Structures are given as C-alpha cells and as structure tokens.
Protein backbone atom coordinates (compact mmCIF):
# COMPACT_ATOMS: atom_id res chain seq x y z
CA MET A 1 -24.88 -8.04 -36.38
CA LYS A 2 -23.33 -9.63 -33.30
CA ASN A 3 -20.36 -10.92 -35.31
CA GLU A 4 -19.88 -7.51 -36.91
CA MET A 5 -19.53 -5.89 -33.49
CA MET A 6 -17.57 -8.72 -31.89
CA THR A 7 -14.94 -9.09 -34.60
CA PRO A 8 -13.19 -5.77 -33.87
CA MET A 9 -13.20 -6.56 -30.14
CA GLN A 10 -11.79 -10.04 -30.68
CA ASN A 11 -9.12 -8.71 -33.05
CA MET A 12 -8.23 -6.01 -30.52
CA SER A 13 -7.83 -8.59 -27.76
CA LYS A 14 -5.60 -10.77 -29.95
CA LYS A 15 -3.41 -7.81 -30.91
CA MET A 16 -3.13 -6.58 -27.32
CA ASP A 17 -2.33 -10.07 -26.03
CA SER A 18 0.52 -10.40 -28.54
CA MET A 19 2.01 -6.93 -27.99
CA HIS A 20 5.46 -6.66 -26.50
CA MET A 21 5.38 -4.39 -23.47
CA THR A 22 8.46 -2.22 -23.15
CA GLY A 23 8.03 -1.38 -19.48
CA ASN A 24 7.72 2.29 -20.39
CA PRO A 25 4.14 3.10 -19.33
CA ASP A 26 3.88 6.08 -21.69
CA HIS A 27 4.94 4.06 -24.72
CA ASP A 28 2.91 0.99 -23.80
CA PHE A 29 -0.19 3.12 -23.13
CA ALA A 30 0.05 4.82 -26.53
CA GLU A 31 0.60 1.54 -28.39
CA MET A 32 -2.30 -0.19 -26.66
CA MET A 33 -4.66 2.76 -26.99
CA ILE A 34 -4.07 2.92 -30.73
CA VAL A 35 -5.28 -0.67 -31.01
CA HIS A 36 -8.19 0.05 -28.65
CA HIS A 37 -9.25 3.16 -30.58
CA GLN A 38 -9.05 1.34 -33.91
CA ALA A 39 -11.49 -1.27 -32.62
CA ALA A 40 -13.84 1.50 -31.49
CA ILE A 41 -13.63 3.10 -34.93
CA GLU A 42 -14.48 -0.19 -36.61
CA MET A 43 -17.45 -0.71 -34.28
CA ALA A 44 -18.63 2.85 -34.87
CA GLN A 45 -18.44 2.31 -38.63
CA THR A 46 -20.59 -0.80 -38.27
CA GLU A 47 -23.15 1.30 -36.39
CA ILE A 48 -23.12 3.92 -39.14
CA ASP A 49 -23.53 1.25 -41.80
CA SER A 50 -26.21 -0.82 -40.04
CA GLY A 51 -27.74 1.20 -37.23
CA LYS A 52 -31.14 2.84 -37.39
CA ASP A 53 -31.10 5.40 -34.57
CA THR A 54 -29.93 8.82 -35.73
CA THR A 55 -28.68 9.83 -32.27
CA ILE A 56 -26.42 6.80 -31.97
CA LYS A 57 -25.26 7.18 -35.58
CA LYS A 58 -24.23 10.78 -34.83
CA LEU A 59 -22.37 9.59 -31.76
CA ALA A 60 -20.63 6.93 -33.86
CA LYS A 61 -19.51 9.59 -36.35
CA ARG A 62 -18.13 11.70 -33.51
CA ILE A 63 -16.30 8.68 -32.10
CA ILE A 64 -14.65 8.07 -35.48
CA GLU A 65 -13.58 11.71 -35.76
CA ASP A 66 -12.30 12.01 -32.20
CA GLN A 67 -10.52 8.70 -32.01
CA THR A 68 -8.95 9.08 -35.44
CA LYS A 69 -7.47 12.36 -34.24
CA GLU A 70 -6.26 10.74 -31.01
CA ILE A 71 -4.65 7.87 -32.94
CA GLU A 72 -2.78 10.41 -35.07
CA GLU A 73 -1.61 12.25 -31.94
CA MET A 74 -0.36 9.03 -30.33
CA GLN A 75 1.36 7.90 -33.52
CA GLN A 76 3.11 11.26 -33.75
CA TRP A 77 4.16 11.04 -30.12
CA LEU A 78 5.55 7.53 -30.68
CA LYS A 79 7.39 8.68 -33.80
CA ASN A 80 9.00 11.52 -31.84
CA GLN A 81 10.24 9.07 -29.19
CA HIS A 82 12.52 7.22 -31.59
C-alpha cells in the first residue's frame, strides 16, 4: 500500500521539479496546482480501491469530484490566457 500512495506523490514532485516557471504567478500557480490535484486524485482512487473505512472512502470520492472540477477550471483559465 505504501508504494501505491507514494507513487503519485513522487511523480508529482518530479513533474513540479521539471516545470518551467514563467514568472507569472497566476499561470505558474494554475500549472502547478493541476499537477498537485492530479496526484491527490490518484491517491484518493487508491483509497477507494483499497481502503476499508467508509467515511474516508466517501471523503476520497468527494476529493476526486472537487479536484477534477478544479482541474477543469484551471485548464480553462490557462486556455483563455493564450
């Protein structure tokens, strides 16, 4: 289980470390938060797939829903900036 939870975090760190920062805090925030939210979604899916506690599984489902919506909002904002 540890590897299943750590892999999204490690991948997130690698992606963030290799990102080119533009110097525009709005743009850089959106780009980095998309990566951050995707890792949270992957971790939440692992909880849904492997977890036992119904309260935490419900929270994980809510995280997936909320952060998926936020990713879409940030992607749309980024698209409108170009």
